[in-house]
Amino acid sequence: MPDTTGLPAELAEIAEDFAELPVPERLQLLLEFSEELPALPERYAAAPESMEQVHECQSPLFLTVEVDEESAPEPGKRVVSLFFSAPPEAPTTRGFAGILHQGLDGLSVDEILAVPEDAPYRFSLAEAVSPLRLRGMVGMLSRIKRQVALKSRAA
């Protein structure tokens, strides 16, 4: 089983799901995450310049986060929403974004900032995709955490 120490519950569950599968089936699961990545809301689809490009990704990927205190389940907690844009012909990149979206969207600022930097390496994907591709997911997580930190200070 993968090391899930410090991962939010949903990310830990995803890591365990990948680890339980043989390598070829991990790619299939990654493709499923790619297909489940939500479409951008109109406010970002119409203004792609408002999103940040993740240059570590081999395919064009853009992301942004929103920090909202009003939708938080507890007073004083701020909920983070994640938004990604990646072309359909980039299933690996979209799959990584899908994993991060499913595992992090709706968590609090503190929960996201506490995600270990090495989380992308805990999905048992090193045997299925190249290290260069995994670096793209590391770049996504890094930018998510940086934007969350900046936007939570500004809020």
N, C-alpha and C. Protein backbone atom coordinates (compact mmCIF):
# COMPACT_ATOMS: atom_id res chain seq x y z
N MET A 1 0.83 -1.19 0.00
CA MET A 1 0.00 0.00 0.00
C MET A 1 0.87 1.25 0.00
N PRO A 2 0.40 2.31 -0.63
CA PRO A 2 1.18 3.54 -0.68
C PRO A 2 1.20 4.24 0.67
N ASP A 3 2.17 5.11 0.83
CA ASP A 3 2.23 5.95 2.03
C ASP A 3 1.18 7.05 1.88
N THR A 4 0.17 7.02 2.72
CA THR A 4 -0.89 8.02 2.63
C THR A 4 -0.80 9.02 3.79
N THR A 5 0.30 8.98 4.53
CA THR A 5 0.49 9.88 5.66
C THR A 5 0.37 11.33 5.20
N GLY A 6 -0.48 12.08 5.87
CA GLY A 6 -0.62 13.51 5.58
C GLY A 6 -1.53 13.82 4.41
N LEU A 7 -2.03 12.81 3.71
CA LEU A 7 -2.93 13.07 2.59
C LEU A 7 -4.36 13.25 3.10
N PRO A 8 -5.11 14.18 2.52
CA PRO A 8 -6.53 14.27 2.86
C PRO A 8 -7.21 12.93 2.52
N ALA A 9 -8.30 12.63 3.18
CA ALA A 9 -8.96 11.33 3.05
C ALA A 9 -9.24 10.95 1.59
N GLU A 10 -9.77 11.87 0.81
CA GLU A 10 -10.11 11.56 -0.58
C GLU A 10 -8.86 11.25 -1.40
N LEU A 11 -7.79 12.01 -1.22
CA LEU A 11 -6.54 11.73 -1.94
C LEU A 11 -5.96 10.39 -1.50
N ALA A 12 -6.02 10.10 -0.21
CA ALA A 12 -5.52 8.82 0.30
C ALA A 12 -6.28 7.66 -0.34
N GLU A 13 -7.58 7.80 -0.44
CA GLU A 13 -8.40 6.75 -1.05
C GLU A 13 -8.03 6.56 -2.53
N ILE A 14 -7.81 7.66 -3.24
CA ILE A 14 -7.41 7.58 -4.65
C ILE A 14 -6.06 6.88 -4.77
N ALA A 15 -5.11 7.23 -3.90
CA ALA A 15 -3.79 6.59 -3.92
C ALA A 15 -3.92 5.09 -3.70
N GLU A 16 -4.76 4.69 -2.78
CA GLU A 16 -4.97 3.26 -2.51
C GLU A 16 -5.62 2.57 -3.70
N ASP A 17 -6.57 3.24 -4.34
CA ASP A 17 -7.22 2.66 -5.53
C ASP A 17 -6.20 2.38 -6.62
N PHE A 18 -5.30 3.32 -6.88
CA PHE A 18 -4.27 3.12 -7.90
C PHE A 18 -3.33 1.97 -7.51
N ALA A 19 -2.91 1.93 -6.25
CA ALA A 19 -1.95 0.93 -5.80
C ALA A 19 -2.50 -0.49 -5.91
N GLU A 20 -3.81 -0.64 -5.79
CA GLU A 20 -4.42 -1.97 -5.84
C GLU A 20 -4.50 -2.55 -7.25
N LEU A 21 -4.26 -1.73 -8.26
CA LEU A 21 -4.42 -2.16 -9.65
C LEU A 21 -3.09 -2.55 -10.29
N PRO A 22 -3.11 -3.49 -11.24
CA PRO A 22 -1.92 -3.75 -12.05
C PRO A 22 -1.63 -2.51 -12.90
N VAL A 23 -0.39 -2.36 -13.33
CA VAL A 23 0.05 -1.14 -14.04
C VAL A 23 -0.85 -0.77 -15.22
N PRO A 24 -1.19 -1.69 -16.13
CA PRO A 24 -2.04 -1.28 -17.27
C PRO A 24 -3.40 -0.73 -16.83
N GLU A 25 -3.94 -1.27 -15.77
CA GLU A 25 -5.23 -0.79 -15.30
C GLU A 25 -5.11 0.57 -14.60
N ARG A 26 -3.93 0.90 -14.12
CA ARG A 26 -3.72 2.24 -13.54
C ARG A 26 -3.89 3.30 -14.62
N LEU A 27 -3.40 3.00 -15.82
CA LEU A 27 -3.57 3.94 -16.93
C LEU A 27 -5.05 4.11 -17.27
N GLN A 28 -5.80 3.03 -17.19
CA GLN A 28 -7.23 3.11 -17.46
C GLN A 28 -7.92 3.99 -16.41
N LEU A 29 -7.53 3.82 -15.13
CA LEU A 29 -8.11 4.64 -14.07
C LEU A 29 -7.73 6.11 -14.27
N LEU A 30 -6.49 6.36 -14.68
CA LEU A 30 -6.06 7.73 -14.96
C LEU A 30 -6.91 8.33 -16.08
N LEU A 31 -7.22 7.53 -17.10
CA LEU A 31 -8.07 7.99 -18.19
C LEU A 31 -9.47 8.32 -17.67
N GLU A 32 -9.97 7.53 -16.72
CA GLU A 32 -11.29 7.81 -16.15
C GLU A 32 -11.29 9.16 -15.41
N PHE A 33 -10.20 9.45 -14.68
CA PHE A 33 -10.11 10.75 -14.02
C PHE A 33 -10.06 11.87 -15.05
N SER A 34 -9.41 11.62 -16.18
CA SER A 34 -9.34 12.60 -17.26
C SER A 34 -10.74 12.93 -17.77
N GLU A 35 -11.54 11.90 -17.95
CA GLU A 35 -12.89 12.08 -18.48
C GLU A 35 -13.83 12.74 -17.47
N GLU A 36 -13.51 12.64 -16.18
CA GLU A 36 -14.37 13.20 -15.14
C GLU A 36 -14.02 14.64 -14.76
N LEU A 37 -12.93 15.17 -15.34
CA LEU A 37 -12.54 16.55 -15.02
C LEU A 37 -13.67 17.49 -15.44
N PRO A 38 -14.21 18.28 -14.50
CA PRO A 38 -15.32 19.17 -14.85
C PRO A 38 -14.92 20.25 -15.86
N ALA A 39 -15.90 20.63 -16.66
CA ALA A 39 -15.69 21.74 -17.60
C ALA A 39 -15.53 23.04 -16.82
N LEU A 40 -14.86 23.98 -17.43
CA LEU A 40 -14.69 25.29 -16.79
C LEU A 40 -16.00 26.05 -16.74
N PRO A 41 -16.25 26.77 -15.65
CA PRO A 41 -17.40 27.67 -15.65
C PRO A 41 -17.14 28.80 -16.65
N GLU A 42 -18.19 29.41 -17.12
CA GLU A 42 -18.09 30.45 -18.16
C GLU A 42 -17.14 31.58 -17.77
N ARG A 43 -17.10 31.93 -16.48
CA ARG A 43 -16.24 33.06 -16.08
C ARG A 43 -14.76 32.79 -16.37
N TYR A 44 -14.35 31.53 -16.42
CA TYR A 44 -12.95 31.20 -16.76
C TYR A 44 -12.83 30.80 -18.23
N ALA A 45 -13.82 30.13 -18.76
CA ALA A 45 -13.77 29.74 -20.16
C ALA A 45 -13.70 30.98 -21.05
N ALA A 46 -14.38 32.05 -20.64
CA ALA A 46 -14.40 33.29 -21.42
C ALA A 46 -13.18 34.17 -21.13
N ALA A 47 -12.41 33.84 -20.10
CA ALA A 47 -11.26 34.67 -19.72
C ALA A 47 -10.08 33.78 -19.35
N PRO A 48 -9.55 33.02 -20.32
CA PRO A 48 -8.46 32.09 -20.00
C PRO A 48 -7.21 32.78 -19.45
N GLU A 49 -7.05 34.06 -19.75
CA GLU A 49 -5.89 34.80 -19.24
C GLU A 49 -5.92 34.95 -17.72
N SER A 50 -7.06 34.68 -17.11
CA SER A 50 -7.16 34.77 -15.65
C SER A 50 -6.64 33.51 -14.96
N MET A 51 -6.23 32.53 -15.75
CA MET A 51 -5.71 31.28 -15.19
C MET A 51 -4.20 31.22 -15.36
N GLU A 52 -3.55 30.42 -14.52
CA GLU A 52 -2.09 30.29 -14.56
C GLU A 52 -1.70 29.03 -15.31
N GLN A 53 -0.75 29.17 -16.23
CA GLN A 53 -0.25 28.00 -16.95
C GLN A 53 0.74 27.24 -16.09
N VAL A 54 0.66 25.91 -16.15
CA VAL A 54 1.61 25.04 -15.45
C VAL A 54 2.62 24.59 -16.51
N HIS A 55 3.77 25.23 -16.54
CA HIS A 55 4.77 24.98 -17.58
C HIS A 55 5.44 23.62 -17.44
N GLU A 56 5.38 23.01 -16.28
CA GLU A 56 5.99 21.70 -16.10
C GLU A 56 5.22 20.61 -16.85
N CYS A 57 3.97 20.88 -17.19
CA CYS A 57 3.16 19.90 -17.91
C CYS A 57 3.58 19.85 -19.37
N GLN A 58 3.58 18.64 -19.94
CA GLN A 58 3.96 18.49 -21.33
C GLN A 58 2.87 18.98 -22.27
N SER A 59 1.66 19.01 -21.79
CA SER A 59 0.53 19.54 -22.56
C SER A 59 0.07 20.84 -21.90
N PRO A 60 -0.57 21.72 -22.65
CA PRO A 60 -1.01 22.99 -22.05
C PRO A 60 -2.06 22.74 -20.96
N LEU A 61 -1.74 23.14 -19.76
CA LEU A 61 -2.67 23.04 -18.64
C LEU A 61 -2.67 24.37 -17.93
N PHE A 62 -3.87 24.84 -17.61
CA PHE A 62 -4.06 26.10 -16.89
C PHE A 62 -4.92 25.80 -15.68
N LEU A 63 -4.67 26.53 -14.59
CA LEU A 63 -5.47 26.33 -13.39
C LEU A 63 -5.64 27.63 -12.63
N THR A 64 -6.64 27.63 -11.79
CA THR A 64 -6.84 28.73 -10.85
C THR A 64 -7.62 28.18 -9.66
N VAL A 65 -7.55 28.91 -8.56
CA VAL A 65 -8.29 28.53 -7.36
C VAL A 65 -9.12 29.71 -6.89
N GLU A 66 -10.18 29.38 -6.18
CA GLU A 66 -10.98 30.40 -5.49
C GLU A 66 -11.03 30.01 -4.03
N VAL A 67 -10.94 31.00 -3.16
CA VAL A 67 -11.04 30.78 -1.72
C VAL A 67 -12.29 31.50 -1.25
N ASP A 68 -13.22 30.75 -0.65
CA ASP A 68 -14.53 31.30 -0.30
C ASP A 68 -14.88 30.96 1.14
N GLU A 69 -15.10 31.97 1.93
CA GLU A 69 -15.48 31.75 3.33
C GLU A 69 -16.98 31.53 3.47
N GLU A 70 -17.76 32.08 2.57
CA GLU A 70 -19.22 32.02 2.69
C GLU A 70 -19.79 30.62 2.53
N SER A 71 -19.15 29.77 1.71
CA SER A 71 -19.67 28.42 1.50
C SER A 71 -19.08 27.41 2.48
N ALA A 72 -18.24 27.86 3.40
CA ALA A 72 -17.60 26.96 4.35
C ALA A 72 -18.62 26.36 5.32
N PRO A 73 -18.45 25.08 5.66
CA PRO A 73 -19.38 24.45 6.59
C PRO A 73 -19.22 24.94 8.03
N GLU A 74 -18.05 25.49 8.35
CA GLU A 74 -17.79 25.99 9.70
C GLU A 74 -17.36 27.45 9.62
N PRO A 75 -17.81 28.28 10.55
CA PRO A 75 -17.37 29.68 10.56
C PRO A 75 -15.84 29.77 10.69
N GLY A 76 -15.26 30.68 9.96
CA GLY A 76 -13.82 30.88 10.03
C GLY A 76 -13.02 29.99 9.10
N LYS A 77 -13.63 28.97 8.53
CA LYS A 77 -12.94 28.11 7.57
C LYS A 77 -13.22 28.63 6.17
N ARG A 78 -12.21 28.55 5.35
CA ARG A 78 -12.38 28.97 3.96
C ARG A 78 -12.25 27.76 3.05
N VAL A 79 -13.20 27.61 2.16
CA VAL A 79 -13.24 26.48 1.25
C VAL A 79 -12.55 26.86 -0.06
N VAL A 80 -11.81 25.90 -0.62
CA VAL A 80 -11.08 26.12 -1.85
C VAL A 80 -11.78 25.39 -3.00
N SER A 81 -11.96 26.10 -4.10
CA SER A 81 -12.48 25.50 -5.33
C SER A 81 -11.37 25.53 -6.36
N LEU A 82 -11.22 24.44 -7.09
CA LEU A 82 -10.16 24.31 -8.10
C LEU A 82 -10.77 24.27 -9.50
N PHE A 83 -10.10 24.91 -10.44
CA PHE A 83 -10.55 24.94 -11.82
C PHE A 83 -9.36 24.65 -12.73
N PHE A 84 -9.55 23.72 -13.68
CA PHE A 84 -8.48 23.31 -14.59
C PHE A 84 -8.96 23.41 -16.02
N SER A 85 -8.02 23.72 -16.90
CA SER A 85 -8.27 23.69 -18.34
C SER A 85 -7.14 22.91 -18.99
N ALA A 86 -7.51 21.82 -19.67
CA ALA A 86 -6.53 21.02 -20.41
C ALA A 86 -7.26 20.43 -21.61
N PRO A 87 -6.58 20.32 -22.73
CA PRO A 87 -7.26 19.82 -23.94
C PRO A 87 -7.61 18.33 -23.82
N PRO A 88 -8.70 17.93 -24.46
CA PRO A 88 -9.12 16.52 -24.40
C PRO A 88 -8.06 15.57 -24.96
N GLU A 89 -7.22 16.07 -25.86
CA GLU A 89 -6.18 15.21 -26.45
C GLU A 89 -4.96 15.06 -25.54
N ALA A 90 -5.07 15.50 -24.30
CA ALA A 90 -4.00 15.36 -23.30
C ALA A 90 -4.52 14.56 -22.10
N PRO A 91 -4.85 13.27 -22.30
CA PRO A 91 -5.51 12.52 -21.22
C PRO A 91 -4.67 12.34 -19.96
N THR A 92 -3.36 12.23 -20.09
CA THR A 92 -2.53 12.07 -18.88
C THR A 92 -2.58 13.33 -18.04
N THR A 93 -2.37 14.46 -18.68
CA THR A 93 -2.42 15.74 -17.97
C THR A 93 -3.80 15.98 -17.37
N ARG A 94 -4.83 15.72 -18.15
CA ARG A 94 -6.20 15.87 -17.64
C ARG A 94 -6.45 14.90 -16.48
N GLY A 95 -5.89 13.70 -16.57
CA GLY A 95 -6.06 12.72 -15.49
C GLY A 95 -5.44 13.20 -14.19
N PHE A 96 -4.24 13.77 -14.28
CA PHE A 96 -3.60 14.33 -13.08
C PHE A 96 -4.47 15.44 -12.49
N ALA A 97 -4.96 16.31 -13.37
CA ALA A 97 -5.83 17.40 -12.91
C ALA A 97 -7.10 16.82 -12.27
N GLY A 98 -7.63 15.76 -12.86
CA GLY A 98 -8.82 15.12 -12.32
C GLY A 98 -8.60 14.55 -10.93
N ILE A 99 -7.44 13.94 -10.72
CA ILE A 99 -7.09 13.41 -9.40
C ILE A 99 -7.06 14.55 -8.38
N LEU A 100 -6.34 15.62 -8.73
CA LEU A 100 -6.21 16.74 -7.79
C LEU A 100 -7.57 17.41 -7.56
N HIS A 101 -8.38 17.51 -8.61
CA HIS A 101 -9.70 18.11 -8.43
C HIS A 101 -10.54 17.27 -7.48
N GLN A 102 -10.61 15.99 -7.75
CA GLN A 102 -11.44 15.13 -6.90
C GLN A 102 -10.90 15.07 -5.47
N GLY A 103 -9.59 15.09 -5.32
CA GLY A 103 -9.00 14.94 -3.99
C GLY A 103 -8.90 16.20 -3.17
N LEU A 104 -8.94 17.38 -3.82
CA LEU A 104 -8.71 18.63 -3.10
C LEU A 104 -9.86 19.63 -3.15
N ASP A 105 -10.65 19.60 -4.20
CA ASP A 105 -11.72 20.58 -4.35
C ASP A 105 -12.69 20.50 -3.18
N GLY A 106 -12.98 21.65 -2.58
CA GLY A 106 -13.91 21.70 -1.46
C GLY A 106 -13.26 21.56 -0.09
N LEU A 107 -11.94 21.34 -0.07
CA LEU A 107 -11.24 21.27 1.22
C LEU A 107 -10.97 22.69 1.73
N SER A 108 -10.54 22.77 2.98
CA SER A 108 -10.21 24.06 3.55
C SER A 108 -8.82 24.49 3.12
N VAL A 109 -8.55 25.77 3.31
CA VAL A 109 -7.22 26.32 3.02
C VAL A 109 -6.15 25.52 3.78
N ASP A 110 -6.37 25.31 5.08
CA ASP A 110 -5.37 24.61 5.89
C ASP A 110 -5.15 23.19 5.41
N GLU A 111 -6.21 22.51 5.02
CA GLU A 111 -6.06 21.13 4.54
C GLU A 111 -5.24 21.07 3.26
N ILE A 112 -5.46 22.00 2.36
CA ILE A 112 -4.70 22.00 1.10
C ILE A 112 -3.25 22.38 1.35
N LEU A 113 -3.02 23.37 2.18
CA LEU A 113 -1.63 23.78 2.45
C LEU A 113 -0.85 22.69 3.17
N ALA A 114 -1.54 21.77 3.83
CA ALA A 114 -0.87 20.67 4.55
C ALA A 114 -0.57 19.46 3.66
N VAL A 115 -1.04 19.45 2.42
CA VAL A 115 -0.78 18.30 1.54
C VAL A 115 0.73 18.21 1.29
N PRO A 116 1.31 17.03 1.51
CA PRO A 116 2.76 16.88 1.30
C PRO A 116 3.14 17.15 -0.16
N GLU A 117 4.29 17.78 -0.33
CA GLU A 117 4.78 18.12 -1.68
C GLU A 117 4.96 16.88 -2.55
N ASP A 118 5.26 15.74 -1.93
CA ASP A 118 5.51 14.53 -2.70
C ASP A 118 4.25 13.73 -2.99
N ALA A 119 3.08 14.28 -2.70
CA ALA A 119 1.82 13.57 -2.91
C ALA A 119 1.69 12.99 -4.32
N PRO A 120 2.08 13.70 -5.39
CA PRO A 120 1.92 13.12 -6.73
C PRO A 120 2.68 11.81 -6.93
N TYR A 121 3.70 11.56 -6.15
CA TYR A 121 4.47 10.32 -6.28
C TYR A 121 3.84 9.16 -5.52
N ARG A 122 2.74 9.41 -4.82
CA ARG A 122 2.12 8.38 -3.99
C ARG A 122 0.95 7.67 -4.68
N PHE A 123 0.76 7.92 -5.96
CA PHE A 123 -0.36 7.32 -6.68
C PHE A 123 0.05 6.10 -7.48
N SER A 124 1.24 5.58 -7.22
CA SER A 124 1.73 4.36 -7.88
C SER A 124 1.72 4.49 -9.40
N LEU A 125 1.99 5.68 -9.89
CA LEU A 125 1.97 5.92 -11.33
C LEU A 125 3.36 5.95 -11.95
N ALA A 126 4.42 5.86 -11.14
CA ALA A 126 5.78 5.94 -11.66
C ALA A 126 6.08 4.82 -12.66
N GLU A 127 5.43 3.66 -12.49
CA GLU A 127 5.63 2.55 -13.41
C GLU A 127 4.81 2.72 -14.68
N ALA A 128 3.82 3.60 -14.66
CA ALA A 128 2.89 3.74 -15.77
C ALA A 128 3.16 4.97 -16.65
N VAL A 129 3.73 6.02 -16.07
CA VAL A 129 4.00 7.24 -16.84
C VAL A 129 5.44 7.69 -16.56
N SER A 130 5.95 8.52 -17.44
CA SER A 130 7.34 8.96 -17.31
C SER A 130 7.53 9.94 -16.14
N PRO A 131 8.76 10.02 -15.62
CA PRO A 131 9.04 10.99 -14.55
C PRO A 131 8.74 12.43 -15.00
N LEU A 132 8.95 12.70 -16.28
CA LEU A 132 8.67 14.04 -16.80
C LEU A 132 7.17 14.35 -16.68
N ARG A 133 6.34 13.38 -16.94
CA ARG A 133 4.89 13.58 -16.80
C ARG A 133 4.52 13.79 -15.33
N LEU A 134 5.09 12.99 -14.45
CA LEU A 134 4.80 13.15 -13.02
C LEU A 134 5.21 14.53 -12.53
N ARG A 135 6.28 15.06 -13.10
CA ARG A 135 6.71 16.40 -12.73
C ARG A 135 5.62 17.44 -13.01
N GLY A 136 4.81 17.18 -14.03
CA GLY A 136 3.70 18.07 -14.34
C GLY A 136 2.68 18.10 -13.20
N MET A 137 2.42 16.93 -12.60
CA MET A 137 1.47 16.88 -11.49
C MET A 137 2.06 17.57 -10.26
N VAL A 138 3.37 17.43 -10.06
CA VAL A 138 4.04 18.14 -8.96
C VAL A 138 3.89 19.65 -9.17
N GLY A 139 4.05 20.10 -10.41
CA GLY A 139 3.89 21.52 -10.73
C GLY A 139 2.47 22.00 -10.46
N MET A 140 1.48 21.16 -10.79
CA MET A 140 0.09 21.54 -10.52
C MET A 140 -0.14 21.73 -9.02
N LEU A 141 0.30 20.76 -8.23
CA LEU A 141 0.10 20.84 -6.78
C LEU A 141 0.81 22.06 -6.21
N SER A 142 2.01 22.31 -6.67
CA SER A 142 2.78 23.46 -6.18
C SER A 142 2.05 24.77 -6.46
N ARG A 143 1.52 24.91 -7.67
CA ARG A 143 0.81 26.14 -8.03
C ARG A 143 -0.51 26.26 -7.27
N ILE A 144 -1.19 25.14 -7.07
CA ILE A 144 -2.43 25.17 -6.29
C ILE A 144 -2.13 25.70 -4.89
N LYS A 145 -1.11 25.13 -4.26
CA LYS A 145 -0.79 25.53 -2.89
C LYS A 145 -0.34 26.99 -2.83
N ARG A 146 0.43 27.43 -3.83
CA ARG A 146 0.89 28.82 -3.85
C ARG A 146 -0.29 29.77 -4.02
N GLN A 147 -1.20 29.45 -4.96
CA GLN A 147 -2.37 30.31 -5.16
C GLN A 147 -3.27 30.33 -3.93
N VAL A 148 -3.44 29.18 -3.31
CA VAL A 148 -4.27 29.11 -2.08
C VAL A 148 -3.67 30.00 -1.01
N ALA A 149 -2.35 29.91 -0.83
CA ALA A 149 -1.68 30.73 0.19
C ALA A 149 -1.86 32.22 -0.12
N LEU A 150 -1.65 32.61 -1.36
CA LEU A 150 -1.79 34.02 -1.74
C LEU A 150 -3.22 34.52 -1.59
N LYS A 151 -4.16 33.76 -2.09
CA LYS A 151 -5.57 34.20 -2.07
C LYS A 151 -6.17 34.13 -0.67
N SER A 152 -5.67 33.25 0.18
CA SER A 152 -6.21 33.19 1.52
C SER A 152 -5.70 34.36 2.37
N ARG A 153 -4.50 34.85 2.05
CA ARG A 153 -3.98 36.03 2.74
C ARG A 153 -4.72 37.29 2.30
N ALA A 154 -5.11 37.31 1.02
CA ALA A 154 -5.78 38.49 0.46
C ALA A 154 -7.25 38.55 0.90
N ALA A 155 -7.80 37.41 1.26
CA ALA A 155 -9.23 37.36 1.61
C ALA A 155 -9.50 37.98 2.96
